[in-house]
Amino acid sequence: MRILALESSCDESAVAVLDSRTGLLAHELYSQIELHRAYGGVVPELASRDHVRRLLPLVRTALAAASTAPGDLQGVAYTAGPGLIGALLTGAALARSLAFAWGVPALGVHHLEGHLLAPLLEPDPPPFPHVALLVSGGHTLLIEVSAIGAYRLLGASRDDAAGEAFDKTAKLLGLPYPGGPQLAALARQGRAGAFSFPRPMLDRAGLEFSFSGLKTAVLQAVRGRSLSDQERADVARGVEDAIVDTLVGKSLRALEQTDRDVLVVSGGVSANRALRARLTEAVGARAARVYYPRIEFSTDNAAMIAVAGLARLQAGQHDSLAIAARAQWPLESLPSVG
């Protein structure tokens, strides 16, 4: 089976072509970072309008790169949620329309399921079952993954996600949008221990997260101070160390509680170098294994939507003719894949 996949949940317009036998044939992405940078964050209406401009040309480019004609496709997958509702609807409307015109089934894919399955694109994919740490700008989740479509939530953030903590701290330090990668780059120049911030909820039993207090601690540390360049780097290092320590500690606890020996780490924050280094070391010390998607598939992309969509379309799942999208969509509500 060969399918086309579209991603438009936030500020990336992306299209991919995936074949069940030959693998990923094409993936195209247009980032809206420059569009939103002047506003210090994503402006939903601008994001939706830009998806309208970008998606169809990306479809043409991806099909050409994959040497694929519409008649070669057996399905269309698209991100149906969660995300910005206007942005989601642009992708959903185009995908549903193309599928109708081409006479193939269409399927709305859960954005987080795409992130969970992104490591399946790698030459050495993770085995099932495993524990997944899904960490991004809007989500920090620990999930037990028994199979595709079989997910059990172990722990989530009660407030800010880890990615939000990165972004809000970056804004406090005057770093440009997107703040997370900028803060991580600055942290590499910082001195360990110069600023010590709390490791939220790491001293409590359980697998839940909370990063709002960390943001408050950073605000108190920098308020009223004129920081030197070195001090700004030290603050960035302190924040990154606190977030990484928390994510690593909770992930190890999840492996222990579920008696699993495989950890999958995905989502935009999984691209963080310090997190990957610390997790690889800590998980290896337990004689367990950790898997990541390559960096380009850590952040939002259509290849991961294609993986999830292909698995479900092959199982005979598809949607009605309605154009549907959901700003919120519990992962546990997904039907299983036979």
Protein backbone atom coordinates (compact mmCIF):
# COMPACT_ATOMS: atom_id res chain seq x y z
CA MET A 1 0.00 0.00 0.00
CA ARG A 2 1.21 3.51 -0.85
CA ILE A 3 -0.27 6.56 0.86
CA LEU A 4 0.01 10.33 0.96
CA ALA A 5 0.14 12.05 4.37
CA LEU A 6 -0.36 15.68 5.41
CA GLU A 7 0.59 17.44 8.65
CA SER A 8 -0.76 20.89 9.60
CA SER A 9 -1.38 20.82 13.35
CA CYS A 10 0.58 23.97 14.20
CA ASP A 11 3.29 25.92 12.37
CA GLU A 12 4.74 23.33 9.98
CA SER A 13 3.18 22.43 6.65
CA ALA A 14 4.37 18.96 5.66
CA VAL A 15 3.62 16.21 3.16
CA ALA A 16 5.03 12.69 2.81
CA VAL A 17 4.63 9.61 0.63
CA LEU A 18 5.10 6.21 2.29
CA ASP A 19 5.04 2.75 0.71
CA SER A 20 4.53 -0.38 2.80
CA ARG A 21 7.20 -2.26 0.81
CA THR A 22 9.77 0.35 -0.23
CA GLY A 23 9.48 2.71 2.74
CA LEU A 24 9.51 6.49 2.81
CA LEU A 25 9.63 7.82 -0.74
CA ALA A 26 9.38 11.56 -0.07
CA HIS A 27 8.86 14.03 2.74
CA GLU A 28 8.54 17.79 2.31
CA LEU A 29 8.26 20.42 5.04
CA TYR A 30 7.81 24.17 5.17
CA SER A 31 8.38 25.85 8.53
CA GLN A 32 6.56 29.04 9.50
CA ILE A 33 9.20 30.11 12.04
CA GLU A 34 10.06 33.35 10.24
CA LEU A 35 6.38 34.23 9.89
CA HIS A 36 5.73 33.99 13.64
CA ARG A 37 9.09 35.20 14.99
CA ALA A 38 8.02 38.86 14.97
CA TYR A 39 5.19 37.98 17.37
CA GLY A 40 7.25 35.82 19.73
CA GLY A 41 5.03 32.79 19.20
CA VAL A 42 2.54 31.11 16.89
CA VAL A 43 -0.38 33.26 15.72
CA PRO A 44 -3.15 30.72 14.91
CA GLU A 45 -4.87 32.72 12.16
CA LEU A 46 -1.59 33.37 10.36
CA ALA A 47 -0.66 29.71 10.68
CA SER A 48 -3.95 28.62 9.08
CA ARG A 49 -3.60 31.04 6.18
CA ASP A 50 -0.05 29.93 5.49
CA HIS A 51 -1.07 26.26 5.43
CA VAL A 52 -3.61 27.16 2.74
CA ARG A 53 -0.80 28.64 0.64
CA ARG A 54 1.78 25.92 1.22
CA LEU A 55 0.11 22.52 1.42
CA LEU A 56 -1.00 21.94 -2.17
CA PRO A 57 2.37 22.94 -3.68
CA LEU A 58 4.03 20.60 -1.16
CA VAL A 59 1.71 17.79 -2.28
CA ARG A 60 2.80 18.32 -5.89
CA THR A 61 6.47 18.40 -4.89
CA ALA A 62 6.24 15.26 -2.75
CA LEU A 63 4.41 13.26 -5.42
CA ALA A 64 6.98 14.27 -8.01
CA ALA A 65 9.88 13.39 -5.69
CA ALA A 66 8.29 9.99 -5.03
CA SER A 67 7.64 9.40 -8.76
CA THR A 68 4.03 8.81 -7.76
CA ALA A 69 0.84 9.64 -9.63
CA PRO A 70 -2.51 9.94 -7.84
CA GLY A 71 -3.52 6.60 -9.35
CA ASP A 72 -0.62 4.93 -7.51
CA LEU A 73 -2.05 5.87 -4.10
CA GLN A 74 -4.32 3.68 -1.99
CA GLY A 75 -5.07 6.19 0.77
CA VAL A 76 -4.59 9.65 2.25
CA ALA A 77 -3.77 10.29 5.91
CA TYR A 78 -3.83 13.64 7.64
CA THR A 79 -3.42 15.07 11.13
CA ALA A 80 -6.90 15.43 12.61
CA GLY A 81 -5.84 16.54 16.12
CA PRO A 82 -4.89 17.59 18.65
CA GLY A 83 -3.63 21.01 17.60
CA LEU A 84 -4.77 24.44 16.44
CA ILE A 85 -8.25 23.87 15.09
CA GLY A 86 -7.95 26.26 12.14
CA ALA A 87 -4.61 24.81 11.10
CA LEU A 88 -5.95 21.26 11.43
CA LEU A 89 -8.98 22.05 9.28
CA THR A 90 -6.85 23.32 6.39
CA GLY A 91 -5.03 19.99 6.17
CA ALA A 92 -8.19 17.97 6.80
CA ALA A 93 -10.13 19.79 4.06
CA LEU A 94 -7.38 19.31 1.49
CA ALA A 95 -6.72 15.66 2.38
CA ARG A 96 -10.41 14.73 2.40
CA SER A 97 -10.94 16.52 -0.94
CA LEU A 98 -7.97 14.83 -2.61
CA ALA A 99 -9.06 11.41 -1.34
CA PHE A 100 -12.59 11.97 -2.66
CA ALA A 101 -11.31 13.13 -6.06
CA TRP A 102 -8.92 10.18 -6.33
CA GLY A 103 -11.43 7.61 -5.08
CA VAL A 104 -9.32 6.37 -2.14
CA PRO A 105 -10.03 6.21 1.62
CA ALA A 106 -8.97 9.01 3.94
CA LEU A 107 -8.04 8.75 7.60
CA GLY A 108 -7.55 11.36 10.30
CA VAL A 109 -4.46 10.55 12.39
CA HIS A 110 -3.79 11.43 16.01
CA HIS A 111 -0.78 13.76 16.09
CA LEU A 112 0.66 12.17 19.23
CA GLU A 113 0.36 8.67 17.77
CA GLY A 114 2.46 9.96 14.91
CA HIS A 115 5.16 11.06 17.36
CA LEU A 116 4.98 7.72 19.19
CA LEU A 117 5.52 5.80 15.95
CA ALA A 118 8.15 8.09 14.38
CA PRO A 119 11.04 5.81 15.49
CA LEU A 120 9.55 3.06 13.28
CA LEU A 121 11.00 5.01 10.34
CA GLU A 122 14.54 4.14 11.48
CA PRO A 123 16.56 1.19 10.13
CA ASP A 124 16.58 -0.31 13.65
CA PRO A 125 13.03 0.31 14.92
CA PRO A 126 12.08 -0.28 18.57
CA PRO A 127 10.34 -3.54 19.47
CA PHE A 128 6.98 -3.79 21.19
CA PRO A 129 6.09 -3.56 24.02
CA HIS A 130 7.94 -0.54 25.39
CA VAL A 131 7.63 2.62 27.45
CA ALA A 132 7.47 5.90 25.54
CA LEU A 133 8.46 9.35 26.75
CA LEU A 134 6.64 11.81 24.51
CA VAL A 135 7.97 15.27 25.23
CA SER A 136 7.15 18.36 23.18
CA GLY A 137 6.05 21.96 23.40
CA GLY A 138 2.53 21.03 24.45
CA HIS A 139 2.86 17.56 25.97
CA THR A 140 4.96 15.63 28.48
CA LEU A 141 3.68 12.06 28.67
CA LEU A 142 4.88 8.64 29.78
CA ILE A 143 2.98 5.91 27.94
CA GLU A 144 3.12 2.14 27.97
CA VAL A 145 2.93 1.04 24.33
CA SER A 146 1.95 -2.62 23.95
CA ALA A 147 1.39 -2.40 20.19
CA ILE A 148 0.28 0.11 17.57
CA GLY A 149 -3.01 1.45 18.91
CA ALA A 150 -2.59 -0.07 22.38
CA TYR A 151 -1.60 2.76 24.70
CA ARG A 152 -1.81 3.13 28.47
CA LEU A 153 -1.10 6.55 29.97
CA LEU A 154 1.32 6.26 32.89
CA GLY A 155 1.91 9.92 33.69
CA ALA A 156 1.43 13.41 32.28
CA SER A 157 2.19 17.00 33.12
CA ARG A 158 -0.27 18.67 35.48
CA ASP A 159 0.47 22.09 33.99
CA ASP A 160 3.26 23.31 31.72
CA ALA A 161 4.91 20.77 29.43
CA ALA A 162 8.70 20.48 29.34
CA GLY A 163 8.78 22.27 26.00
CA GLU A 164 6.78 25.14 27.45
CA ALA A 165 9.28 25.43 30.31
CA PHE A 166 12.08 25.72 27.76
CA ASP A 167 10.20 28.30 25.69
CA LYS A 168 9.04 30.46 28.61
CA THR A 169 12.52 30.52 30.15
CA ALA A 170 13.96 31.49 26.78
CA LYS A 171 11.53 34.40 26.64
CA LEU A 172 12.60 35.52 30.13
CA LEU A 173 16.19 35.54 28.88
CA GLY A 174 15.29 37.58 25.81
CA LEU A 175 15.98 34.77 23.34
CA PRO A 176 14.20 34.83 19.96
CA TYR A 177 11.40 32.46 18.92
CA PRO A 178 11.49 29.48 18.85
CA GLY A 179 12.96 29.61 22.33
CA GLY A 180 13.65 25.96 23.14
CA PRO A 181 16.45 25.33 20.62
CA GLN A 182 17.91 28.78 21.35
CA LEU A 183 18.04 28.04 25.08
CA ALA A 184 19.63 24.62 24.50
CA ALA A 185 22.34 26.23 22.36
CA LEU A 186 23.00 28.86 25.03
CA ALA A 187 23.10 26.21 27.76
CA ARG A 188 26.12 24.59 26.12
CA GLN A 189 28.11 27.68 27.15
CA GLY A 190 26.81 27.60 30.74
CA ARG A 191 28.57 26.37 33.89
CA ALA A 192 27.06 23.40 35.70
CA GLY A 193 25.79 24.30 39.17
CA ALA A 194 26.07 28.08 38.77
CA PHE A 195 22.27 28.22 39.10
CA SER A 196 20.38 25.39 40.79
CA PHE A 197 16.68 25.04 40.06
CA PRO A 198 14.13 22.56 41.47
CA ARG A 199 13.53 19.17 39.87
CA PRO A 200 9.70 19.30 39.97
CA MET A 201 7.97 16.30 41.54
CA LEU A 202 11.06 14.13 41.25
CA ASP A 203 11.07 13.67 45.03
CA ARG A 204 7.48 12.32 44.97
CA ALA A 205 6.23 8.88 44.07
CA GLY A 206 4.42 8.53 40.78
CA LEU A 207 5.01 9.43 37.15
CA GLU A 208 3.35 12.82 36.83
CA PHE A 209 5.19 16.01 35.86
CA SER A 210 4.84 19.69 36.74
CA PHE A 211 7.03 22.41 35.25
CA SER A 212 5.18 25.61 36.17
CA GLY A 213 7.12 25.94 39.44
CA LEU A 214 10.40 25.75 37.55
CA LYS A 215 9.37 28.74 35.45
CA THR A 216 8.54 30.66 38.63
CA ALA A 217 11.92 29.77 40.16
CA VAL A 218 13.71 31.10 37.09
CA LEU A 219 11.66 34.30 37.17
CA GLN A 220 12.62 34.88 40.80
CA ALA A 221 16.29 34.20 40.05
CA VAL A 222 16.53 36.75 37.21
CA ARG A 223 14.04 39.40 38.35
CA GLY A 224 15.65 42.78 38.87
CA ARG A 225 19.09 41.55 37.78
CA SER A 226 21.17 42.68 34.86
CA LEU A 227 22.66 39.40 33.76
CA SER A 228 25.99 39.15 31.98
CA ASP A 229 26.27 36.94 28.91
CA GLN A 230 27.89 34.24 31.05
CA GLU A 231 25.14 34.45 33.66
CA ARG A 232 22.46 34.12 30.98
CA ALA A 233 24.22 30.98 29.75
CA ASP A 234 24.44 29.72 33.34
CA VAL A 235 20.69 30.20 33.83
CA ALA A 236 20.01 28.34 30.58
CA ARG A 237 22.27 25.50 31.72
CA GLY A 238 20.54 25.33 35.10
CA VAL A 239 17.10 25.14 33.50
CA GLU A 240 18.15 22.50 30.99
CA ASP A 241 19.77 20.40 33.73
CA ALA A 242 16.61 20.59 35.85
CA ILE A 243 14.33 19.55 32.99
CA VAL A 244 16.65 16.78 31.81
CA ASP A 245 17.12 15.39 35.33
CA THR A 246 13.36 15.29 35.81
CA LEU A 247 12.65 13.59 32.49
CA VAL A 248 15.42 11.04 33.00
CA GLY A 249 14.38 10.25 36.57
CA LYS A 250 10.72 9.74 35.69
CA SER A 251 11.57 7.65 32.62
CA LEU A 252 13.73 5.29 34.66
CA ARG A 253 10.95 5.03 37.23
CA ALA A 254 8.47 4.14 34.48
CA LEU A 255 10.73 1.36 33.17
CA GLU A 256 11.04 -0.02 36.69
CA GLN A 257 7.32 0.12 37.43
CA THR A 258 6.32 -1.55 34.17
CA ASP A 259 9.23 -4.01 34.17
CA ARG A 260 10.11 -2.97 30.61
CA ASP A 261 13.61 -2.76 29.18
CA VAL A 262 12.92 -0.59 26.10
CA LEU A 263 12.37 3.18 26.18
CA VAL A 264 11.28 5.22 23.15
CA VAL A 265 11.75 8.99 23.27
CA SER A 266 9.95 11.18 20.76
CA GLY A 267 8.50 14.66 20.27
CA GLY A 268 10.24 17.96 19.62
CA VAL A 269 12.17 18.05 22.91
CA SER A 270 13.65 14.63 22.10
CA ALA A 271 15.97 16.51 19.73
CA ASN A 272 17.70 18.07 22.77
CA ARG A 273 21.32 16.84 22.84
CA ALA A 274 21.68 16.89 26.60
CA LEU A 275 18.50 14.85 27.06
CA ARG A 276 19.64 12.23 24.55
CA ALA A 277 23.08 11.94 26.11
CA ARG A 278 21.78 11.62 29.67
CA LEU A 279 19.03 9.15 28.77
CA THR A 280 21.35 6.98 26.70
CA GLU A 281 23.80 6.79 29.61
CA ALA A 282 21.16 6.23 32.30
CA VAL A 283 19.13 3.64 30.39
CA GLY A 284 22.28 1.81 29.31
CA ALA A 285 23.37 1.55 32.94
CA ARG A 286 20.16 -0.44 33.56
CA ALA A 287 21.00 -2.86 30.72
CA ALA A 288 18.00 -1.45 28.87
CA ARG A 289 17.73 0.12 25.43
CA VAL A 290 16.59 3.55 24.28
CA TYR A 291 15.38 4.52 20.80
CA TYR A 292 14.93 7.95 19.20
CA PRO A 293 13.68 9.18 15.84
CA ARG A 294 16.28 11.01 13.78
CA ILE A 295 16.32 14.75 14.50
CA GLU A 296 14.28 15.71 11.42
CA PHE A 297 11.49 13.37 12.54
CA SER A 298 11.54 14.52 16.18
CA THR A 299 9.71 17.76 15.43
CA ASP A 300 6.39 17.90 13.57
CA ASN A 301 6.52 16.21 10.15
CA ALA A 302 4.30 14.27 7.77
CA ALA A 303 6.43 11.11 7.68
CA MET A 304 5.32 10.19 11.20
CA ILE A 305 1.68 10.81 10.22
CA ALA A 306 2.23 8.49 7.26
CA VAL A 307 3.50 5.70 9.55
CA ALA A 308 0.45 5.89 11.80
CA GLY A 309 -1.93 6.34 8.88
CA LEU A 310 -0.50 3.44 6.90
CA ALA A 311 -0.86 1.04 9.85
CA ARG A 312 -4.51 1.95 10.31
CA LEU A 313 -5.42 2.07 6.62
CA GLN A 314 -3.88 -1.38 6.17
CA ALA A 315 -6.09 -2.56 9.03
CA GLY A 316 -9.15 -1.38 7.10
CA GLN A 317 -9.80 1.77 9.13
CA HIS A 318 -10.94 4.93 7.37
CA ASP A 319 -13.18 7.95 7.96
CA SER A 320 -16.47 9.08 6.48
CA LEU A 321 -16.75 11.87 3.93
CA ALA A 322 -17.02 14.46 6.72
CA ILE A 323 -14.15 16.91 7.20
CA ALA A 324 -13.31 16.57 10.88
CA ALA A 325 -10.64 17.88 13.24
CA ARG A 326 -10.27 18.04 17.01
CA ALA A 327 -8.36 20.58 19.07
CA GLN A 328 -8.34 18.04 21.92
CA TRP A 329 -8.29 14.28 21.49
CA PRO A 330 -7.40 11.79 24.25
CA LEU A 331 -4.82 9.32 22.99
CA GLU A 332 -6.41 6.48 24.97
CA SER A 333 -9.64 6.87 22.97
CA LEU A 334 -8.03 5.58 19.77
CA PRO A 335 -9.33 2.25 18.45
CA SER A 336 -6.91 -0.64 18.40
CA VAL A 337 -5.18 -1.87 15.26
CA GLY A 338 -5.90 -5.50 14.48
